């Protein structure tokens, strides 16, 4: 997760920073608690796009997966920013 929102706090949680210290080149974090189902849909879509033959990078994969969620009319809740906005790479 991202930071806890405390004024003056670091931008990433201790867990997120630990992944970087351990050698991760990138991580997907959220800035606030997320809907489990929506997070599953978004991350699965992002990973599918990252490993597709025409992949264009992590940020584009996240953007495209977010747009897919916004276009999904089967779930009204997907239109609300609390569902798709907390994620950053």
PDB file of N, CA and C in Angstrom:
ATOM      1  N   UNK A   1       0.838  -1.187   0.000  1.00  0.00           N
ATOM      2  CA  UNK A   1       0.000   0.000   0.000  1.00  0.00           C
ATOM      3  C   UNK A   1       0.872   1.235   0.000  1.00  0.00           C
ATOM      4  N   UNK A   2       0.262   2.322  -0.394  1.00  0.00           N
ATOM      5  CA  UNK A   2       0.949   3.600  -0.328  1.00  0.00           C
ATOM      6  C   UNK A   2       1.044   4.030   1.123  1.00  0.00           C
ATOM      7  N   UNK A   3       1.327   5.292   1.346  1.00  0.00           N
ATOM      8  CA  UNK A   3       1.458   5.781   2.717  1.00  0.00           C
ATOM      9  C   UNK A   3       0.105   5.768   3.419  1.00  0.00           C
ATOM     10  N   UNK A   4       0.147   5.961   4.730  1.00  0.00           N
ATOM     11  CA  UNK A   4      -1.094   5.958   5.507  1.00  0.00           C
ATOM     12  C   UNK A   4      -1.806   7.303   5.488  1.00  0.00           C
ATOM     13  N   UNK A   5      -1.268   8.283   4.782  1.00  0.00           N
ATOM     14  CA  UNK A   5      -1.913   9.581   4.656  1.00  0.00           C
ATOM     15  C   UNK A   5      -1.563  10.562   5.752  1.00  0.00           C
ATOM     16  N   UNK A   6      -0.726  10.169   6.690  1.00  0.00           N
ATOM     17  CA  UNK A   6      -0.309  11.071   7.751  1.00  0.00           C
ATOM     18  C   UNK A   6       0.505  12.214   7.146  1.00  0.00           C
ATOM     19  N   UNK A   7       0.179  13.466   7.498  1.00  0.00           N
ATOM     20  CA  UNK A   7       0.970  14.582   6.969  1.00  0.00           C
ATOM     21  C   UNK A   7       2.457  14.399   7.268  1.00  0.00           C
ATOM     22  N   UNK A   8       3.280  14.578   6.250  1.00  0.00           N
ATOM     23  CA  UNK A   8       4.718  14.419   6.403  1.00  0.00           C
ATOM     24  C   UNK A   8       5.202  12.989   6.300  1.00  0.00           C
ATOM     25  N   UNK A   9       4.285  12.044   6.097  1.00  0.00           N
ATOM     26  CA  UNK A   9       4.664  10.629   6.009  1.00  0.00           C
ATOM     27  C   UNK A   9       5.357  10.349   4.678  1.00  0.00           C
ATOM     28  N   UNK A  10       6.072   9.256   4.641  1.00  0.00           N
ATOM     29  CA  UNK A  10       6.692   8.804   3.399  1.00  0.00           C
ATOM     30  C   UNK A  10       5.610   8.510   2.373  1.00  0.00           C
ATOM     31  N   UNK A  11       5.969   8.523   1.086  1.00  0.00           N
ATOM     32  CA  UNK A  11       5.010   8.256   0.023  1.00  0.00           C
ATOM     33  C   UNK A  11       4.617   6.797  -0.083  1.00  0.00           C
ATOM     34  N   UNK A  12       5.433   5.902   0.453  1.00  0.00           N
ATOM     35  CA  UNK A  12       5.150   4.470   0.392  1.00  0.00           C
ATOM     36  C   UNK A  12       5.168   3.888   1.799  1.00  0.00           C
ATOM     37  N   UNK A  13       4.400   2.830   1.987  1.00  0.00           N
ATOM     38  CA  UNK A  13       4.408   2.140   3.276  1.00  0.00           C
ATOM     39  C   UNK A  13       5.742   1.427   3.455  1.00  0.00           C
ATOM     40  N   UNK A  14       5.995   0.980   4.662  1.00  0.00           N
ATOM     41  CA  UNK A  14       7.216   0.232   4.929  1.00  0.00           C
ATOM     42  C   UNK A  14       7.303  -1.033   4.098  1.00  0.00           C
ATOM     43  N   UNK A  15       6.183  -1.693   3.882  1.00  0.00           N
ATOM     44  CA  UNK A  15       6.179  -2.912   3.080  1.00  0.00           C
ATOM     45  C   UNK A  15       6.555  -2.607   1.636  1.00  0.00           C
ATOM     46  N   UNK A  16       5.984  -1.553   1.080  1.00  0.00           N
ATOM     47  CA  UNK A  16       6.300  -1.184  -0.300  1.00  0.00           C
ATOM     48  C   UNK A  16       7.777  -0.823  -0.428  1.00  0.00           C
ATOM     49  N   UNK A  17       8.299  -0.047   0.508  1.00  0.00           N
ATOM     50  CA  UNK A  17       9.724   0.311   0.475  1.00  0.00           C
ATOM     51  C   UNK A  17      10.598  -0.935   0.585  1.00  0.00           C
ATOM     52  N   UNK A  18      10.173  -1.899   1.398  1.00  0.00           N
ATOM     53  CA  UNK A  18      10.953  -3.125   1.571  1.00  0.00           C
ATOM     54  C   UNK A  18      11.115  -3.871   0.252  1.00  0.00           C
ATOM     55  N   UNK A  19      10.078  -3.876  -0.579  1.00  0.00           N
ATOM     56  CA  UNK A  19      10.197  -4.523  -1.889  1.00  0.00           C
ATOM     57  C   UNK A  19      11.261  -3.835  -2.737  1.00  0.00           C
ATOM     58  N   UNK A  20      11.296  -2.507  -2.703  1.00  0.00           N
ATOM     59  CA  UNK A  20      12.327  -1.782  -3.454  1.00  0.00           C
ATOM     60  C   UNK A  20      13.715  -2.085  -2.904  1.00  0.00           C
ATOM     61  N   UNK A  21      13.855  -2.085  -1.585  1.00  0.00           N
ATOM     62  CA  UNK A  21      15.151  -2.387  -0.975  1.00  0.00           C
ATOM     63  C   UNK A  21      15.600  -3.805  -1.319  1.00  0.00           C
ATOM     64  N   UNK A  22      14.640  -4.701  -1.522  1.00  0.00           N
ATOM     65  CA  UNK A  22      14.959  -6.089  -1.856  1.00  0.00           C
ATOM     66  C   UNK A  22      15.259  -6.276  -3.341  1.00  0.00           C
ATOM     67  N   UNK A  23      15.130  -5.203  -4.126  1.00  0.00           N
ATOM     68  CA  UNK A  23      15.505  -5.300  -5.531  1.00  0.00           C
ATOM     69  C   UNK A  23      14.380  -5.198  -6.532  1.00  0.00           C
ATOM     70  N   UNK A  24      13.147  -5.032  -6.081  1.00  0.00           N
ATOM     71  CA  UNK A  24      12.038  -4.890  -7.034  1.00  0.00           C
ATOM     72  C   UNK A  24      12.245  -3.623  -7.858  1.00  0.00           C
ATOM     73  N   UNK A  25      12.010  -3.718  -9.151  1.00  0.00           N
ATOM     74  CA  UNK A  25      12.166  -2.552 -10.026  1.00  0.00           C
ATOM     75  C   UNK A  25      10.897  -1.718 -10.083  1.00  0.00           C
ATOM     76  N   UNK A  26       9.772  -2.329  -9.777  1.00  0.00           N
ATOM     77  CA  UNK A  26       8.493  -1.611  -9.784  1.00  0.00           C
ATOM     78  C   UNK A  26       7.509  -2.377  -8.907  1.00  0.00           C
ATOM     79  N   UNK A  27       6.563  -1.651  -8.346  1.00  0.00           N
ATOM     80  CA  UNK A  27       5.489  -2.272  -7.572  1.00  0.00           C
ATOM     81  C   UNK A  27       4.185  -1.552  -7.880  1.00  0.00           C
ATOM     82  N   UNK A  28       3.099  -2.264  -7.725  1.00  0.00           N
ATOM     83  CA  UNK A  28       1.764  -1.687  -7.854  1.00  0.00           C
ATOM     84  C   UNK A  28       1.253  -1.467  -6.437  1.00  0.00           C
ATOM     85  N   UNK A  29       0.942  -0.223  -6.102  1.00  0.00           N
ATOM     86  CA  UNK A  29       0.444   0.094  -4.763  1.00  0.00           C
ATOM     87  C   UNK A  29      -0.881   0.823  -4.877  1.00  0.00           C
ATOM     88  N   UNK A  30      -1.600   0.844  -3.767  1.00  0.00           N
ATOM     89  CA  UNK A  30      -2.846   1.612  -3.709  1.00  0.00           C
ATOM     90  C   UNK A  30      -2.700   2.680  -2.634  1.00  0.00           C
ATOM     91  N   UNK A  31      -3.352   3.801  -2.852  1.00  0.00           N
ATOM     92  CA  UNK A  31      -3.278   4.901  -1.901  1.00  0.00           C
ATOM     93  C   UNK A  31      -4.321   4.798  -0.797  1.00  0.00           C
ATOM     94  N   UNK A  32      -5.276   3.894  -0.929  1.00  0.00           N
ATOM     95  CA  UNK A  32      -6.290   3.688   0.106  1.00  0.00           C
ATOM     96  C   UNK A  32      -6.836   2.279  -0.041  1.00  0.00           C
ATOM     97  N   UNK A  33      -7.576   1.784   0.974  1.00  0.00           N
ATOM     98  CA  UNK A  33      -8.145   0.431   0.885  1.00  0.00           C
ATOM     99  C   UNK A  33      -9.013   0.294  -0.368  1.00  0.00           C
ATOM    100  N   UNK A  34      -8.948  -0.880  -0.974  1.00  0.00           N
ATOM    101  CA  UNK A  34      -9.633  -1.086  -2.250  1.00  0.00           C
ATOM    102  C   UNK A  34     -10.662  -2.201  -2.166  1.00  0.00           C
ATOM    103  N   UNK A  35     -11.586  -2.182  -3.096  1.00  0.00           N
ATOM    104  CA  UNK A  35     -12.580  -3.239  -3.270  1.00  0.00           C
ATOM    105  C   UNK A  35     -11.847  -4.480  -3.788  1.00  0.00           C
ATOM    106  N   UNK A  36     -11.980  -5.607  -3.092  1.00  0.00           N
ATOM    107  CA  UNK A  36     -11.238  -6.816  -3.457  1.00  0.00           C
ATOM    108  C   UNK A  36     -11.523  -7.280  -4.878  1.00  0.00           C
ATOM    109  N   UNK A  37     -12.792  -7.315  -5.249  1.00  0.00           N
ATOM    110  CA  UNK A  37     -13.147  -7.793  -6.586  1.00  0.00           C
ATOM    111  C   UNK A  37     -12.590  -6.868  -7.662  1.00  0.00           C
ATOM    112  N   UNK A  38     -12.762  -5.580  -7.479  1.00  0.00           N
ATOM    113  CA  UNK A  38     -12.262  -4.617  -8.464  1.00  0.00           C
ATOM    114  C   UNK A  38     -10.740  -4.691  -8.571  1.00  0.00           C
ATOM    115  N   UNK A  39     -10.057  -4.847  -7.438  1.00  0.00           N
ATOM    116  CA  UNK A  39      -8.599  -4.967  -7.458  1.00  0.00           C
ATOM    117  C   UNK A  39      -8.173  -6.209  -8.230  1.00  0.00           C
ATOM    118  N   UNK A  40      -8.911  -7.294  -8.055  1.00  0.00           N
ATOM    119  CA  UNK A  40      -8.615  -8.521  -8.787  1.00  0.00           C
ATOM    120  C   UNK A  40      -8.791  -8.327 -10.290  1.00  0.00           C
ATOM    121  N   UNK A  41      -9.882  -7.690 -10.672  1.00  0.00           N
ATOM    122  CA  UNK A  41     -10.145  -7.437 -12.096  1.00  0.00           C
ATOM    123  C   UNK A  41      -9.067  -6.528 -12.677  1.00  0.00           C
ATOM    124  N   UNK A  42      -8.743  -5.458 -11.961  1.00  0.00           N
ATOM    125  CA  UNK A  42      -7.759  -4.505 -12.463  1.00  0.00           C
ATOM    126  C   UNK A  42      -6.370  -5.129 -12.576  1.00  0.00           C
ATOM    127  N   UNK A  43      -5.928  -5.834 -11.545  1.00  0.00           N
ATOM    128  CA  UNK A  43      -4.576  -6.390 -11.590  1.00  0.00           C
ATOM    129  C   UNK A  43      -4.465  -7.523 -12.602  1.00  0.00           C
ATOM    130  N   UNK A  44      -5.494  -8.340 -12.719  1.00  0.00           N
ATOM    131  CA  UNK A  44      -5.473  -9.401 -13.727  1.00  0.00           C
ATOM    132  C   UNK A  44      -5.401  -8.804 -15.124  1.00  0.00           C
ATOM    133  N   UNK A  45      -6.212  -7.779 -15.368  1.00  0.00           N
ATOM    134  CA  UNK A  45      -6.173  -7.104 -16.665  1.00  0.00           C
ATOM    135  C   UNK A  45      -4.829  -6.470 -16.936  1.00  0.00           C
ATOM    136  N   UNK A  46      -4.246  -5.870 -15.914  1.00  0.00           N
ATOM    137  CA  UNK A  46      -2.938  -5.237 -16.076  1.00  0.00           C
ATOM    138  C   UNK A  46      -1.869  -6.270 -16.419  1.00  0.00           C
ATOM    139  N   UNK A  47      -1.854  -7.375 -15.691  1.00  0.00           N
ATOM    140  CA  UNK A  47      -0.855  -8.413 -15.960  1.00  0.00           C
ATOM    141  C   UNK A  47      -1.039  -9.027 -17.340  1.00  0.00           C
ATOM    142  N   UNK A  48      -2.286  -9.254 -17.742  1.00  0.00           N
ATOM    143  CA  UNK A  48      -2.539  -9.769 -19.089  1.00  0.00           C
ATOM    144  C   UNK A  48      -1.947  -8.835 -20.135  1.00  0.00           C
ATOM    145  N   UNK A  49      -2.125  -7.539 -19.946  1.00  0.00           N
ATOM    146  CA  UNK A  49      -1.606  -6.559 -20.906  1.00  0.00           C
ATOM    147  C   UNK A  49      -0.086  -6.448 -20.838  1.00  0.00           C
ATOM    148  N   UNK A  50       0.488  -6.585 -19.652  1.00  0.00           N
ATOM    149  CA  UNK A  50       1.945  -6.497 -19.517  1.00  0.00           C
ATOM    150  C   UNK A  50       2.652  -7.629 -20.246  1.00  0.00           C
ATOM    151  N   UNK A  51       2.025  -8.795 -20.285  1.00  0.00           N
ATOM    152  CA  UNK A  51       2.662  -9.953 -20.890  1.00  0.00           C
ATOM    153  C   UNK A  51       2.117 -10.284 -22.272  1.00  0.00           C
ATOM    154  N   UNK A  52       1.332  -9.400 -22.833  1.00  0.00           N
ATOM    155  CA  UNK A  52       0.823  -9.579 -24.197  1.00  0.00           C
ATOM    156  C   UNK A  52       1.962  -9.317 -25.187  1.00  0.00           C
ATOM    157  N   UNK A  53       1.891  -9.928 -26.369  1.00  0.00           N
ATOM    158  CA  UNK A  53       2.946  -9.720 -27.367  1.00  0.00           C
ATOM    159  C   UNK A  53       3.156  -8.246 -27.737  1.00  0.00           C
ATOM    160  N   UNK A  54       2.108  -7.443 -27.673  1.00  0.00           N
ATOM    161  CA  UNK A  54       2.220  -6.026 -28.042  1.00  0.00           C
ATOM    162  C   UNK A  54       2.321  -5.119 -26.812  1.00  0.00           C
ATOM    163  N   UNK A  55       2.849  -5.641 -25.706  1.00  0.00           N
ATOM    164  CA  UNK A  55       2.925  -4.892 -24.447  1.00  0.00           C
ATOM    165  C   UNK A  55       3.714  -3.601 -24.619  1.00  0.00           C
ATOM    166  N   UNK A  56       3.239  -2.553 -23.920  1.00  0.00           N
ATOM    167  CA  UNK A  56       3.895  -1.245 -24.018  1.00  0.00           C
ATOM    168  C   UNK A  56       4.351  -0.717 -22.665  1.00  0.00           C
ATOM    169  N   UNK A  57       4.469  -1.579 -21.683  1.00  0.00           N
ATOM    170  CA  UNK A  57       4.987  -1.157 -20.387  1.00  0.00           C
ATOM    171  C   UNK A  57       3.951  -1.202 -19.277  1.00  0.00           C
ATOM    172  N   UNK A  58       4.457  -1.107 -18.054  1.00  0.00           N
ATOM    173  CA  UNK A  58       3.607  -1.226 -16.867  1.00  0.00           C
ATOM    174  C   UNK A  58       2.563  -0.122 -16.773  1.00  0.00           C
ATOM    175  N   UNK A  59       3.002   1.116 -16.962  1.00  0.00           N
ATOM    176  CA  UNK A  59       2.079   2.245 -16.801  1.00  0.00           C
ATOM    177  C   UNK A  59       0.953   2.191 -17.824  1.00  0.00           C
ATOM    178  N   UNK A  60       1.288   1.843 -19.058  1.00  0.00           N
ATOM    179  CA  UNK A  60       0.265   1.739 -20.104  1.00  0.00           C
ATOM    180  C   UNK A  60      -0.666   0.572 -19.794  1.00  0.00           C
ATOM    181  N   UNK A  61      -0.121  -0.530 -19.298  1.00  0.00           N
ATOM    182  CA  UNK A  61      -0.955  -1.683 -18.932  1.00  0.00           C
ATOM    183  C   UNK A  61      -1.942  -1.306 -17.830  1.00  0.00           C
ATOM    184  N   UNK A  62      -1.480  -0.553 -16.836  1.00  0.00           N
ATOM    185  CA  UNK A  62      -2.380  -0.095 -15.772  1.00  0.00           C
ATOM    186  C   UNK A  62      -3.437   0.848 -16.337  1.00  0.00           C
ATOM    187  N   UNK A  63      -3.019   1.763 -17.184  1.00  0.00           N
ATOM    188  CA  UNK A  63      -3.970   2.705 -17.788  1.00  0.00           C
ATOM    189  C   UNK A  63      -5.034   1.963 -18.593  1.00  0.00           C
ATOM    190  N   UNK A  64      -4.619   1.010 -19.412  1.00  0.00           N
ATOM    191  CA  UNK A  64      -5.571   0.275 -20.243  1.00  0.00           C
ATOM    192  C   UNK A  64      -6.509  -0.576 -19.393  1.00  0.00           C
ATOM    193  N   UNK A  65      -5.987  -1.184 -18.346  1.00  0.00           N
ATOM    194  CA  UNK A  65      -6.832  -1.980 -17.457  1.00  0.00           C
ATOM    195  C   UNK A  65      -7.844  -1.090 -16.730  1.00  0.00           C
ATOM    196  N   UNK A  66      -7.406   0.098 -16.338  1.00  0.00           N
ATOM    197  CA  UNK A  66      -8.317   1.058 -15.708  1.00  0.00           C
ATOM    198  C   UNK A  66      -9.415   1.467 -16.675  1.00  0.00           C
ATOM    199  N   UNK A  67      -9.054   1.730 -17.916  1.00  0.00           N
ATOM    200  CA  UNK A  67     -10.057   2.095 -18.922  1.00  0.00           C
ATOM    201  C   UNK A  67     -11.034   0.948 -19.163  1.00  0.00           C
ATOM    202  N   UNK A  68     -10.537  -0.290 -19.119  1.00  0.00           N
ATOM    203  CA  UNK A  68     -11.429  -1.450 -19.260  1.00  0.00           C
ATOM    204  C   UNK A  68     -12.467  -1.472 -18.135  1.00  0.00           C
ATOM    205  N   UNK A  69     -12.030  -1.183 -16.917  1.00  0.00           N
ATOM    206  CA  UNK A  69     -12.957  -1.150 -15.779  1.00  0.00           C
ATOM    207  C   UNK A  69     -13.992  -0.050 -15.975  1.00  0.00           C
ATOM    208  N   UNK A  70     -13.541   1.111 -16.415  1.00  0.00           N
ATOM    209  CA  UNK A  70     -14.473   2.222 -16.638  1.00  0.00           C
ATOM    210  C   UNK A  70     -15.482   1.902 -17.731  1.00  0.00           C
ATOM    211  N   UNK A  71     -15.074   1.111 -18.714  1.00  0.00           N
ATOM    212  CA  UNK A  71     -15.967   0.738 -19.815  1.00  0.00           C
ATOM    213  C   UNK A  71     -16.907  -0.406 -19.455  1.00  0.00           C
ATOM    214  N   UNK A  72     -16.661  -1.088 -18.336  1.00  0.00           N
ATOM    215  CA  UNK A  72     -17.463  -2.244 -17.925  1.00  0.00           C
ATOM    216  C   UNK A  72     -18.794  -1.767 -17.343  1.00  0.00           C
ATOM    217  N   UNK A  73     -19.854  -1.905 -18.106  1.00  0.00           N
ATOM    218  CA  UNK A  73     -21.175  -1.453 -17.653  1.00  0.00           C
ATOM    219  C   UNK A  73     -21.905  -2.506 -16.814  1.00  0.00           C
ATOM    220  N   UNK A  74     -21.317  -3.690 -16.656  1.00  0.00           N
ATOM    221  CA  UNK A  74     -21.965  -4.732 -15.857  1.00  0.00           C
ATOM    222  C   UNK A  74     -21.859  -4.448 -14.355  1.00  0.00           C
ATOM    223  N   UNK A  75     -20.940  -3.581 -13.963  1.00  0.00           N
ATOM    224  CA  UNK A  75     -20.741  -3.228 -12.551  1.00  0.00           C
ATOM    225  C   UNK A  75     -20.832  -1.712 -12.404  1.00  0.00           C
ATOM    226  N   UNK A  76     -21.963  -1.219 -11.904  1.00  0.00           N
ATOM    227  CA  UNK A  76     -22.134   0.227 -11.725  1.00  0.00           C
ATOM    228  C   UNK A  76     -21.058   0.829 -10.822  1.00  0.00           C
ATOM    229  N   UNK A  77     -20.640   0.070  -9.819  1.00  0.00           N
ATOM    230  CA  UNK A  77     -19.660   0.604  -8.872  1.00  0.00           C
ATOM    231  C   UNK A  77     -18.309   0.888  -9.518  1.00  0.00           C
ATOM    232  N   UNK A  78     -18.020   0.254 -10.653  1.00  0.00           N
ATOM    233  CA  UNK A  78     -16.740   0.479 -11.325  1.00  0.00           C
ATOM    234  C   UNK A  78     -16.590   1.911 -11.824  1.00  0.00           C
ATOM    235  N   UNK A  79     -17.685   2.637 -11.969  1.00  0.00           N
ATOM    236  CA  UNK A  79     -17.616   4.017 -12.455  1.00  0.00           C
ATOM    237  C   UNK A  79     -17.050   4.969 -11.402  1.00  0.00           C
ATOM    238  N   UNK A  80     -17.105   4.603 -10.139  1.00  0.00           N
ATOM    239  CA  UNK A  80     -16.668   5.497  -9.065  1.00  0.00           C
ATOM    240  C   UNK A  80     -15.139   5.478  -8.932  1.00  0.00           C
ATOM    241  N   UNK A  81     -14.513   6.646  -8.801  1.00  0.00           N
ATOM    242  CA  UNK A  81     -13.053   6.710  -8.689  1.00  0.00           C
ATOM    243  C   UNK A  81     -12.466   5.925  -7.519  1.00  0.00           C
ATOM    244  N   UNK A  82     -13.232   5.696  -6.458  1.00  0.00           N
ATOM    245  CA  UNK A  82     -12.675   4.927  -5.340  1.00  0.00           C
ATOM    246  C   UNK A  82     -12.311   3.508  -5.763  1.00  0.00           C
ATOM    247  N   UNK A  83     -12.879   3.048  -6.866  1.00  0.00           N
ATOM    248  CA  UNK A  83     -12.606   1.702  -7.370  1.00  0.00           C
ATOM    249  C   UNK A  83     -11.309   1.654  -8.171  1.00  0.00           C
ATOM    250  N   UNK A  84     -11.104   2.602  -9.057  1.00  0.00           N
ATOM    251  CA  UNK A  84      -9.979   2.523  -9.990  1.00  0.00           C
ATOM    252  C   UNK A  84      -8.864   3.529  -9.744  1.00  0.00           C
ATOM    253  N   UNK A  85      -9.112   4.581  -8.984  1.00  0.00           N
ATOM    254  CA  UNK A  85      -8.123   5.653  -8.833  1.00  0.00           C
ATOM    255  C   UNK A  85      -6.979   5.395  -7.846  1.00  0.00           C
ATOM    256  N   UNK A  86      -7.086   4.472  -6.893  1.00  0.00           N
ATOM    257  CA  UNK A  86      -6.018   4.386  -5.895  1.00  0.00           C
ATOM    258  C   UNK A  86      -4.721   3.750  -6.380  1.00  0.00           C
ATOM    259  N   UNK A  87      -4.722   3.162  -7.557  1.00  0.00           N
ATOM    260  CA  UNK A  87      -3.572   2.370  -7.994  1.00  0.00           C
ATOM    261  C   UNK A  87      -2.520   3.189  -8.737  1.00  0.00           C
ATOM    262  N   UNK A  88      -1.259   2.945  -8.396  1.00  0.00           N
ATOM    263  CA  UNK A  88      -0.127   3.541  -9.109  1.00  0.00           C
ATOM    264  C   UNK A  88       0.977   2.497  -9.233  1.00  0.00           C
ATOM    265  N   UNK A  89       1.769   2.636 -10.275  1.00  0.00           N
ATOM    266  CA  UNK A  89       2.926   1.753 -10.480  1.00  0.00           C
ATOM    267  C   UNK A  89       4.169   2.528 -10.099  1.00  0.00           C
TER     268      UNK A  89
END
